[in-house]
Amino acid sequence: MEAGNSTVNAHLNLRRNPDVIVLPSGPPRLQVRSIACHLFSMRRLFCAVVLLLSLSACATGGSIPPPVKLPYPAWYVGFAAPKHMEVWVESVDVLDQRGYVFFNVHGGVAGYTRKPDGWHKGGSGGKPINNVDLPDQLLLRWQSLVEPQAYKISIRIPQWVRAEMVRPTEAFCLVPNKWKKDYRNVITLGMAPGGIVMVWMGGPCLGFKEVGRYQAKVEPLGPYRNGKGLFYRAPNPKAQAWIDQHGIPYGSW
């Protein structure tokens, strides 16, 4: 009975003052069980808090964005660069049309065109941007590995692009070899030496349209914005050999 009363008193103390853990004076087995139950409850509470913080960390003001209402599960961002003009994308941030900011939604390597000069006018594929509304601005930071140089730019997406992204269009798809309703929900960012950025929009079964040509600025803090001047890597031997022989064709993009 003393052990039982001690355990009950301990739980009453916890209820009165939940910030204080009272160790019951009963048998060791009851002590361990009481402490374990309390710690488990604290752990569940901690996990719930961490989850809420992680969900709200990417949104302006720390609030959790409401669900996105689009005619497809996600829109896409893809990267492109001229052949041999190697790039490394540090980050893409999105300010969506509701005013929410999402950081580091994409980054990494780009797809390359068939020749060093000129463009291939967009390309399908890319990374799905889930639970983010249509873009109002895209903030891009990347490294031109062949110069080498680090660049940054904020690109405002026109309203006509957002309207086009949700407009259904009948198109013939080679796969699955039939007509279907498709959307231009892919935005491709083309990056070239000198800080040139080309933007296209298109879809898996639809042609790409040019959104605009932009001039990025040199990132004063250098690659990764840490002032160390260390780039992702040097150009691969084949790209470097081509550049050593022909140079960088500035002005062709």
Protein backbone atom coordinates (compact mmCIF):
# COMPACT_ATOMS: atom_id res chain seq x y z
CA MET A 1 0.00 0.00 0.00
CA GLU A 2 2.84 2.41 0.77
CA ALA A 3 4.33 1.81 -2.66
CA GLY A 4 0.95 2.40 -4.31
CA ASN A 5 0.34 5.61 -2.34
CA SER A 6 3.82 6.83 -3.20
CA THR A 7 3.21 6.29 -6.92
CA VAL A 8 -0.18 8.03 -6.78
CA ASN A 9 1.34 10.99 -4.91
CA ALA A 10 4.09 11.21 -7.49
CA HIS A 11 1.58 11.40 -10.33
CA LEU A 12 -0.42 14.03 -8.43
CA ASN A 13 2.75 16.09 -8.00
CA LEU A 14 3.46 15.80 -11.74
CA ARG A 15 -0.07 16.97 -12.50
CA ARG A 16 0.25 19.98 -10.19
CA ASN A 17 3.72 20.91 -11.46
CA PRO A 18 4.49 19.28 -14.82
CA ASP A 19 7.90 20.99 -15.05
CA VAL A 20 9.22 19.00 -12.10
CA ILE A 21 9.88 15.26 -12.21
CA VAL A 22 9.16 13.70 -8.79
CA LEU A 23 10.85 10.37 -8.22
CA PRO A 24 8.49 7.93 -6.47
CA SER A 25 9.85 6.21 -3.39
CA GLY A 26 8.23 2.83 -4.09
CA PRO A 27 9.84 -0.31 -5.48
CA PRO A 28 12.41 0.22 -8.30
CA ARG A 29 10.14 -1.38 -10.92
CA LEU A 30 7.35 1.13 -10.23
CA GLN A 31 9.86 3.98 -10.21
CA VAL A 32 11.24 3.04 -13.61
CA ARG A 33 7.77 2.62 -15.09
CA SER A 34 6.59 5.99 -13.78
CA ILE A 35 9.69 7.82 -15.07
CA ALA A 36 9.55 6.04 -18.43
CA CYS A 37 5.90 7.00 -18.97
CA HIS A 38 6.65 10.63 -18.19
CA LEU A 39 9.71 10.73 -20.44
CA PHE A 40 7.73 9.10 -23.26
CA SER A 41 5.07 11.80 -22.98
CA MET A 42 7.75 14.50 -23.04
CA ARG A 43 9.34 12.88 -26.08
CA ARG A 44 6.02 12.86 -27.97
CA LEU A 45 5.50 16.53 -27.12
CA PHE A 46 9.04 17.39 -28.26
CA CYS A 47 8.57 15.54 -31.58
CA ALA A 48 5.30 17.37 -32.20
CA VAL A 49 6.97 20.75 -31.58
CA VAL A 50 9.89 19.88 -33.88
CA LEU A 51 7.48 18.81 -36.63
CA LEU A 52 5.53 22.05 -36.44
CA LEU A 53 8.73 24.10 -36.52
CA SER A 54 10.04 22.21 -39.53
CA LEU A 55 6.79 22.74 -41.42
CA SER A 56 6.75 26.46 -40.73
CA ALA A 57 10.47 27.18 -41.08
CA CYS A 58 10.25 27.75 -44.84
CA ALA A 59 7.26 30.08 -44.76
CA THR A 60 7.29 33.84 -44.34
CA GLY A 61 6.70 34.84 -40.75
CA GLY A 62 6.95 31.26 -39.51
CA SER A 63 3.33 30.45 -40.41
CA ILE A 64 2.33 27.19 -42.07
CA PRO A 65 1.19 27.77 -45.67
CA PRO A 66 -2.32 26.61 -46.55
CA PRO A 67 -2.70 23.77 -49.07
CA VAL A 68 -1.95 24.64 -52.69
CA LYS A 69 -4.78 24.35 -55.23
CA LEU A 70 -3.32 23.57 -58.65
CA PRO A 71 -4.58 21.33 -61.47
CA TYR A 72 -1.54 19.05 -61.00
CA PRO A 73 0.42 17.70 -58.00
CA ALA A 74 3.50 19.91 -58.56
CA TRP A 75 5.24 22.23 -60.99
CA TYR A 76 8.88 21.70 -61.97
CA VAL A 77 12.19 23.55 -62.15
CA GLY A 78 14.91 22.33 -64.52
CA PHE A 79 18.47 23.50 -65.21
CA ALA A 80 20.27 23.85 -68.54
CA ALA A 81 23.68 25.07 -69.73
CA PRO A 82 25.56 25.12 -73.04
CA LYS A 83 27.78 22.14 -73.82
CA HIS A 84 31.13 22.29 -71.96
CA MET A 85 30.01 25.43 -70.03
CA GLU A 86 29.70 23.54 -66.77
CA VAL A 87 27.70 24.94 -63.86
CA TRP A 88 26.83 24.01 -60.31
CA VAL A 89 23.59 25.41 -58.90
CA GLU A 90 23.93 26.28 -55.23
CA SER A 91 20.26 27.01 -54.58
CA VAL A 92 16.90 28.08 -55.95
CA ASP A 93 14.51 29.91 -53.60
CA VAL A 94 10.88 30.60 -54.47
CA LEU A 95 8.60 33.45 -53.51
CA ASP A 96 5.18 32.13 -54.49
CA GLN A 97 2.18 34.18 -55.57
CA ARG A 98 0.72 34.06 -52.04
CA GLY A 99 3.83 35.73 -50.58
CA TYR A 100 5.38 32.63 -48.98
CA VAL A 101 9.13 32.08 -49.33
CA PHE A 102 10.55 28.57 -49.77
CA PHE A 103 14.31 28.12 -49.51
CA ASN A 104 16.57 25.64 -51.32
CA VAL A 105 13.84 23.97 -53.34
CA HIS A 106 16.39 22.79 -55.93
CA GLY A 107 20.11 22.73 -56.70
CA GLY A 108 22.87 20.64 -58.23
CA VAL A 109 23.90 19.81 -61.79
CA ALA A 110 22.35 20.95 -65.09
CA GLY A 111 21.49 19.28 -68.34
CA TYR A 112 23.73 20.35 -71.23
CA THR A 113 22.86 21.33 -74.80
CA ARG A 114 24.38 19.71 -77.88
CA LYS A 115 26.71 22.60 -78.70
CA PRO A 116 28.64 25.26 -76.78
CA ASP A 117 27.06 28.29 -78.44
CA GLY A 118 23.34 29.05 -78.51
CA TRP A 119 20.46 27.40 -76.67
CA HIS A 120 18.13 24.46 -77.14
CA LYS A 121 15.06 26.41 -75.91
CA GLY A 122 14.21 24.67 -72.71
CA GLY A 123 13.74 21.02 -71.88
CA SER A 124 11.35 18.72 -70.11
CA GLY A 125 12.04 17.21 -66.74
CA GLY A 126 13.41 18.84 -63.62
CA LYS A 127 12.59 18.58 -59.96
CA PRO A 128 8.98 18.69 -58.74
CA ILE A 129 8.29 21.68 -56.49
CA ASN A 130 5.71 20.22 -54.14
CA ASN A 131 3.32 22.15 -51.89
CA VAL A 132 4.44 25.49 -53.36
CA ASP A 133 2.10 27.79 -55.27
CA LEU A 134 2.99 29.27 -58.65
CA PRO A 135 6.16 31.37 -58.56
CA ASP A 136 6.19 35.15 -58.30
CA GLN A 137 9.99 35.31 -58.04
CA LEU A 138 12.84 32.82 -58.37
CA LEU A 139 16.10 33.54 -56.57
CA LEU A 140 18.99 31.69 -58.21
CA ARG A 141 22.61 31.29 -57.08
CA TRP A 142 25.06 29.27 -59.15
CA GLN A 143 28.71 28.75 -60.01
CA SER A 144 30.06 29.03 -63.53
CA LEU A 145 32.84 26.46 -63.17
CA VAL A 146 34.63 27.32 -66.42
CA GLU A 147 35.32 30.99 -65.59
CA PRO A 148 35.19 30.38 -62.57
CA GLN A 149 32.65 32.81 -61.10
CA ALA A 150 29.69 32.82 -58.72
CA TYR A 151 26.46 34.57 -59.73
CA LYS A 152 23.12 35.49 -58.21
CA ILE A 153 19.86 36.83 -59.60
CA SER A 154 16.24 37.43 -58.62
CA ILE A 155 13.86 36.74 -61.52
CA ARG A 156 10.31 38.06 -61.39
CA ILE A 157 7.90 35.74 -63.17
CA PRO A 158 5.29 37.62 -65.25
CA GLN A 159 1.59 37.08 -64.64
CA TRP A 160 1.09 35.71 -68.16
CA VAL A 161 3.46 32.86 -67.30
CA ARG A 162 1.43 31.87 -64.21
CA ALA A 163 -1.77 32.04 -66.27
CA GLU A 164 -0.20 29.82 -68.92
CA MET A 165 0.98 27.33 -66.29
CA VAL A 166 -2.59 26.48 -65.30
CA ARG A 167 -4.20 26.66 -68.76
CA PRO A 168 -5.00 23.16 -70.09
CA THR A 169 -3.95 22.50 -73.68
CA GLU A 170 -4.69 19.51 -75.87
CA ALA A 171 -1.42 18.03 -77.09
CA PHE A 172 -0.21 14.87 -78.77
CA CYS A 173 2.18 12.90 -76.55
CA LEU A 174 4.62 10.42 -78.04
CA VAL A 175 4.27 8.54 -74.79
CA PRO A 176 1.63 7.11 -74.52
CA ASN A 177 1.15 7.93 -78.23
CA LYS A 178 -2.17 9.73 -77.93
CA TRP A 179 -3.77 13.13 -77.47
CA LYS A 180 -4.14 14.34 -73.88
CA LYS A 181 -4.66 17.45 -71.78
CA ASP A 182 -1.30 18.89 -70.77
CA TYR A 183 0.06 21.91 -68.91
CA ARG A 184 3.15 24.05 -69.25
CA ASN A 185 4.18 23.44 -65.66
CA VAL A 186 7.95 23.21 -66.23
CA ILE A 187 10.24 26.22 -65.81
CA THR A 188 13.77 25.79 -67.18
CA LEU A 189 16.63 28.04 -66.07
CA GLY A 190 19.47 28.22 -68.57
CA MET A 191 22.82 29.50 -67.25
CA ALA A 192 25.84 30.58 -69.29
CA PRO A 193 29.22 32.24 -68.61
CA GLY A 194 29.07 35.97 -68.03
CA GLY A 195 26.00 35.58 -65.81
CA ILE A 196 23.51 35.10 -68.65
CA VAL A 197 20.22 33.46 -67.64
CA MET A 198 17.52 32.28 -70.04
CA VAL A 199 14.08 31.23 -68.78
CA TRP A 200 11.62 29.02 -70.65
CA MET A 201 8.32 27.41 -69.76
CA GLY A 202 6.85 24.25 -71.24
CA GLY A 203 5.39 20.85 -70.59
CA PRO A 204 6.07 17.17 -71.25
CA CYS A 205 3.92 17.18 -74.41
CA LEU A 206 4.04 20.90 -75.22
CA GLY A 207 6.69 23.10 -76.79
CA PHE A 208 8.68 25.56 -74.72
CA LYS A 209 8.11 29.30 -74.76
CA GLU A 210 10.77 31.86 -73.92
CA VAL A 211 10.01 33.89 -70.80
CA GLY A 212 13.02 36.18 -70.95
CA ARG A 213 16.77 36.73 -70.97
CA TYR A 214 18.37 38.13 -67.83
CA GLN A 215 21.72 39.36 -66.60
CA ALA A 216 22.86 38.09 -63.20
CA LYS A 217 25.24 39.85 -60.84
CA VAL A 218 28.51 38.54 -59.48
CA GLU A 219 28.09 37.24 -55.94
CA PRO A 220 30.48 39.45 -53.92
CA LEU A 221 30.94 36.76 -51.25
CA GLY A 222 31.98 34.20 -53.84
CA PRO A 223 30.90 30.57 -54.07
CA TYR A 224 28.69 29.39 -51.21
CA ARG A 225 28.77 32.99 -49.90
CA ASN A 226 31.48 32.12 -47.39
CA GLY A 227 34.35 34.26 -48.72
CA LYS A 228 36.69 31.27 -49.12
CA GLY A 229 36.73 31.25 -52.91
CA LEU A 230 36.40 27.47 -53.16
CA PHE A 231 34.29 26.30 -56.06
CA TYR A 232 32.37 23.03 -56.33
CA ARG A 233 35.04 21.53 -58.59
CA ALA A 234 37.21 22.30 -61.61
CA PRO A 235 35.80 21.70 -65.12
CA ASN A 236 36.12 18.13 -66.30
CA PRO A 237 39.10 17.42 -68.61
CA LYS A 238 37.04 17.31 -71.80
CA ALA A 239 35.38 20.66 -71.09
CA GLN A 240 38.68 22.25 -70.09
CA ALA A 241 40.38 20.96 -73.24
CA TRP A 242 37.64 22.47 -75.43
CA ILE A 243 37.88 25.82 -73.64
CA ASP A 244 41.69 25.83 -73.89
CA GLN A 245 41.39 25.37 -77.65
CA HIS A 246 38.38 27.59 -78.45
CA GLY A 247 37.89 29.88 -75.48
CA ILE A 248 34.57 30.81 -73.94
CA PRO A 249 32.13 32.06 -76.63
CA TYR A 250 30.86 35.10 -74.74
CA GLY A 251 28.09 36.90 -76.60
CA SER A 252 26.59 33.76 -78.17
CA TRP A 253 23.91 33.34 -75.52
